[in-house]
C-alpha atoms as a PDB file:
ATOM      1  CA  MET A   1      -4.103 -24.940 -11.986  1.00  0.00           C
ATOM      2  CA  PRO A   2      -3.367 -20.982 -12.813  1.00  0.00           C
ATOM      3  CA  ASP A   3      -0.513 -19.091 -11.360  1.00  0.00           C
ATOM      4  CA  LEU A   4      -1.426 -16.787  -8.555  1.00  0.00           C
ATOM      5  CA  THR A   5       0.289 -13.325  -8.084  1.00  0.00           C
ATOM      6  CA  PRO A   6       2.058 -13.150  -4.769  1.00  0.00           C
ATOM      7  CA  GLU A   7       0.047 -10.777  -3.403  1.00  0.00           C
ATOM      8  CA  ARG A   8      -3.323 -12.968  -4.160  1.00  0.00           C
ATOM      9  CA  SER A   9      -1.162 -16.134  -2.715  1.00  0.00           C
ATOM     10  CA  TRP A  10      -0.478 -13.849   0.575  1.00  0.00           C
ATOM     11  CA  LEU A  11      -4.444 -12.840   1.166  1.00  0.00           C
ATOM     12  CA  GLU A  12      -5.363 -16.176   0.368  1.00  0.00           C
ATOM     13  CA  ALA A  13      -3.113 -17.467   3.347  1.00  0.00           C
ATOM     14  CA  LEU A  14      -5.074 -14.934   5.456  1.00  0.00           C
ATOM     15  CA  GLU A  15      -8.238 -16.103   4.591  1.00  0.00           C
ATOM     16  CA  GLN A  16      -6.819 -19.271   5.819  1.00  0.00           C
ATOM     17  CA  GLY A  17      -5.248 -17.790   9.097  1.00  0.00           C
ATOM     18  CA  ARG A  18      -2.017 -18.243   8.217  1.00  0.00           C
ATOM     19  CA  PHE A  19       0.115 -15.253   8.118  1.00  0.00           C
ATOM     20  CA  LEU A  20       3.307 -15.705   5.586  1.00  0.00           C
ATOM     21  CA  LEU A  21       6.257 -14.163   4.611  1.00  0.00           C
ATOM     22  CA  GLN A  22       8.628 -14.311   1.645  1.00  0.00           C
ATOM     23  CA  ARG A  23      12.147 -15.384   2.242  1.00  0.00           C
ATOM     24  CA  ARG A  24      14.594 -15.541  -0.125  1.00  0.00           C
ATOM     25  CA  ALA A  25      16.071 -19.434  -0.622  1.00  0.00           C
ATOM     26  CA  SER A  26      19.525 -18.780  -1.634  1.00  0.00           C
ATOM     27  CA  THR A  27      20.278 -15.763   1.602  1.00  0.00           C
ATOM     28  CA  GLY A  28      17.253 -16.419   3.798  1.00  0.00           C
ATOM     29  CA  ALA A  29      16.291 -12.385   3.730  1.00  0.00           C
ATOM     30  CA  PHE A  30      12.539 -12.296   4.200  1.00  0.00           C
ATOM     31  CA  ILE A  31      10.918  -9.773   2.104  1.00  0.00           C
ATOM     32  CA  PHE A  32       7.348  -7.900   2.157  1.00  0.00           C
ATOM     33  CA  PRO A  33       5.299  -6.842   0.561  1.00  0.00           C
ATOM     34  CA  PRO A  34       4.774  -9.865  -1.721  1.00  0.00           C
ATOM     35  CA  ARG A  35       6.535 -10.140  -4.916  1.00  0.00           C
ATOM     36  CA  VAL A  36       7.705 -12.005  -7.985  1.00  0.00           C
ATOM     37  CA  ALA A  37      11.116 -11.258  -7.545  1.00  0.00           C
ATOM     38  CA  GLU A  38      13.516  -9.577  -4.564  1.00  0.00           C
ATOM     39  CA  PRO A  39      13.820  -6.242  -5.055  1.00  0.00           C
ATOM     40  CA  ARG A  40      17.342  -5.244  -4.849  1.00  0.00           C
ATOM     41  CA  THR A  41      18.867  -8.164  -6.959  1.00  0.00           C
ATOM     42  CA  GLY A  42      15.623  -9.392  -9.073  1.00  0.00           C
ATOM     43  CA  ALA A  43      16.270 -12.719  -7.543  1.00  0.00           C
ATOM     44  CA  THR A  44      13.270 -15.273  -7.714  1.00  0.00           C
ATOM     45  CA  ASP A  45      14.447 -18.192  -5.543  1.00  0.00           C
ATOM     46  CA  LEU A  46      11.425 -16.774  -3.385  1.00  0.00           C
ATOM     47  CA  GLN A  47       9.866 -19.239  -1.046  1.00  0.00           C
ATOM     48  CA  TRP A  48       6.557 -19.033   1.539  1.00  0.00           C
ATOM     49  CA  VAL A  49       7.368 -19.433   5.307  1.00  0.00           C
ATOM     50  CA  GLU A  50       5.274 -19.463   8.239  1.00  0.00           C
ATOM     51  CA  ALA A  51       6.127 -16.109   9.928  1.00  0.00           C
ATOM     52  CA  SER A  52       6.364 -16.280  13.761  1.00  0.00           C
ATOM     53  CA  GLY A  53       4.273 -12.996  14.134  1.00  0.00           C
ATOM     54  CA  ALA A  54       6.754 -11.792  16.691  1.00  0.00           C
ATOM     55  CA  GLY A  55       7.497  -8.217  16.609  1.00  0.00           C
ATOM     56  CA  VAL A  56       7.745  -4.480  18.220  1.00  0.00           C
ATOM     57  CA  VAL A  57       6.128  -1.070  17.465  1.00  0.00           C
ATOM     58  CA  TYR A  58       7.969   1.089  15.027  1.00  0.00           C
ATOM     59  CA  SER A  59       5.193   3.756  14.717  1.00  0.00           C
ATOM     60  CA  VAL A  60       1.402   4.118  15.671  1.00  0.00           C
ATOM     61  CA  THR A  61      -1.568   6.473  14.723  1.00  0.00           C
ATOM     62  CA  VAL A  62      -4.701   6.782  16.525  1.00  0.00           C
ATOM     63  CA  ILE A  63      -7.967   6.566  14.499  1.00  0.00           C
ATOM     64  CA  ALA A  64     -10.568   8.254  16.016  1.00  0.00           C
ATOM     65  CA  PRO A  65     -13.614   7.834  13.438  1.00  0.00           C
ATOM     66  CA  ARG A  66     -16.392  10.827  13.154  1.00  0.00           C
ATOM     67  CA  THR A  67     -19.148   7.832  13.843  1.00  0.00           C
ATOM     68  CA  PRO A  68     -20.042   6.512  17.450  1.00  0.00           C
ATOM     69  CA  ALA A  69     -17.406   3.800  16.667  1.00  0.00           C
ATOM     70  CA  GLU A  70     -14.412   3.431  19.300  1.00  0.00           C
ATOM     71  CA  PRO A  71     -10.654   4.974  18.696  1.00  0.00           C
ATOM     72  CA  TYR A  72      -8.151   2.182  17.379  1.00  0.00           C
ATOM     73  CA  THR A  73      -4.746   1.847  16.653  1.00  0.00           C
ATOM     74  CA  VAL A  74      -2.996   1.533  13.031  1.00  0.00           C
ATOM     75  CA  ALA A  75       0.707   0.839  13.596  1.00  0.00           C
ATOM     76  CA  LEU A  76       4.034  -0.232  12.078  1.00  0.00           C
ATOM     77  CA  ILE A  77       5.316  -3.545  13.150  1.00  0.00           C
ATOM     78  CA  ASP A  78       8.930  -4.411  12.693  1.00  0.00           C
ATOM     79  CA  LEU A  79       8.639  -7.973  12.510  1.00  0.00           C
ATOM     80  CA  ALA A  80      11.439 -10.180  14.389  1.00  0.00           C
ATOM     81  CA  GLU A  81      12.042 -11.570  10.500  1.00  0.00           C
ATOM     82  CA  GLY A  82      13.334  -8.190   9.450  1.00  0.00           C
ATOM     83  CA  PRO A  83       9.980  -6.674   7.086  1.00  0.00           C
ATOM     84  CA  ARG A  84       7.916  -4.037   8.156  1.00  0.00           C
ATOM     85  CA  VAL A  85       4.350  -4.971   8.149  1.00  0.00           C
ATOM     86  CA  MET A  86       1.055  -2.460   9.316  1.00  0.00           C
ATOM     87  CA  GLY A  87      -1.571  -3.961  11.383  1.00  0.00           C
ATOM     88  CA  ARG A  88      -3.891  -2.545  13.929  1.00  0.00           C
ATOM     89  CA  VAL A  89      -3.031  -3.246  17.953  1.00  0.00           C
ATOM     90  CA  GLU A  90      -5.862  -4.588  19.816  1.00  0.00           C
ATOM     91  CA  GLY A  91      -5.824  -6.093  23.424  1.00  0.00           C
ATOM     92  CA  VAL A  92      -5.199  -2.377  24.981  1.00  0.00           C
ATOM     93  CA  THR A  93      -5.962   1.047  25.081  1.00  0.00           C
ATOM     94  CA  PRO A  94      -5.000   3.449  22.235  1.00  0.00           C
ATOM     95  CA  GLU A  95      -2.995   5.141  24.430  1.00  0.00           C
ATOM     96  CA  ASP A  96      -1.424   2.138  25.976  1.00  0.00           C
ATOM     97  CA  VAL A  97      -0.021   1.535  22.270  1.00  0.00           C
ATOM     98  CA  CYS A  98       4.040   2.877  22.034  1.00  0.00           C
ATOM     99  CA  ILE A  99       6.269   2.726  20.254  1.00  0.00           C
ATOM    100  CA  GLY A 100       9.482   0.112  21.084  1.00  0.00           C
ATOM    101  CA  LEU A 101       5.911  -2.164  22.317  1.00  0.00           C
ATOM    102  CA  ALA A 102       6.435  -5.597  21.922  1.00  0.00           C
ATOM    103  CA  VAL A 103       3.592  -7.732  20.216  1.00  0.00           C
ATOM    104  CA  GLN A 104       2.468 -10.342  18.169  1.00  0.00           C
ATOM    105  CA  ALA A 105       0.631 -11.331  15.292  1.00  0.00           C
ATOM    106  CA  ARG A 106      -2.787 -13.020  14.601  1.00  0.00           C
ATOM    107  CA  VAL A 107      -4.857 -13.519  11.805  1.00  0.00           C
ATOM    108  CA  GLY A 108      -8.304 -11.805  11.994  1.00  0.00           C
ATOM    109  CA  ARG A 109     -11.245  -9.796  10.460  1.00  0.00           C
ATOM    110  CA  ILE A 110     -11.653  -6.274  10.423  1.00  0.00           C
ATOM    111  CA  ASP A 111     -15.211  -5.875   8.817  1.00  0.00           C
ATOM    112  CA  GLY A 112     -15.074  -8.915   7.603  1.00  0.00           C
ATOM    113  CA  VAL A 113     -11.868  -9.257   5.803  1.00  0.00           C
ATOM    114  CA  PRO A 114      -8.972 -10.742   6.458  1.00  0.00           C
ATOM    115  CA  ALA A 115      -6.225  -8.807   8.167  1.00  0.00           C
ATOM    116  CA  LEU A 116      -3.034  -9.045  10.999  1.00  0.00           C
ATOM    117  CA  LEU A 117      -3.919  -7.722  14.395  1.00  0.00           C
ATOM    118  CA  PHE A 118      -1.544  -7.736  16.639  1.00  0.00           C
ATOM    119  CA  THR A 119      -1.641  -7.486  20.810  1.00  0.00           C
ATOM    120  CA  PRO A 120       0.942  -7.074  23.679  1.00  0.00           C
ATOM    121  CA  ARG A 121       3.537 -10.004  24.140  1.00  0.00           C
ATOM    122  CA  GLU A 122       2.766 -11.971  27.273  1.00  0.00           C
ATOM    123  CA  GLY A 123       4.240 -10.167  30.242  1.00  0.00           C
ATOM    124  CA  GLU A 124       4.638  -6.549  28.220  1.00  0.00           C
ATOM    125  CA  HIS A 125       2.824  -3.782  29.023  1.00  0.00           C
ATOM    126  CA  ALA A 126       3.048  -0.420  27.700  1.00  0.00           C
END
């Protein structure tokens, strides 16, 4: 069985509808993006674990395409596990996505490609 690169393993998990993060076994520290070794220490005791998907919007940009497509948001999300990831926030208008908004991840598709999509968490509003 061929060894997969960490990025390819992550993308294959997304393809299966799973949101995984790497965690260092000895310390429990999460890392993202996927790597072969922990960036600061070079430790290789990394394991894949299911991410909670809970996060908070750190930064947001509204993309307004020149085509007739509707505007959409791209946000940096601080995950509950610690890493910061990028994804679209859906389920609310772009104007309602603000810094500090609590969101929940799910795996969806953008133009047929698996991607992280976020929606406001239940009971949260901008």
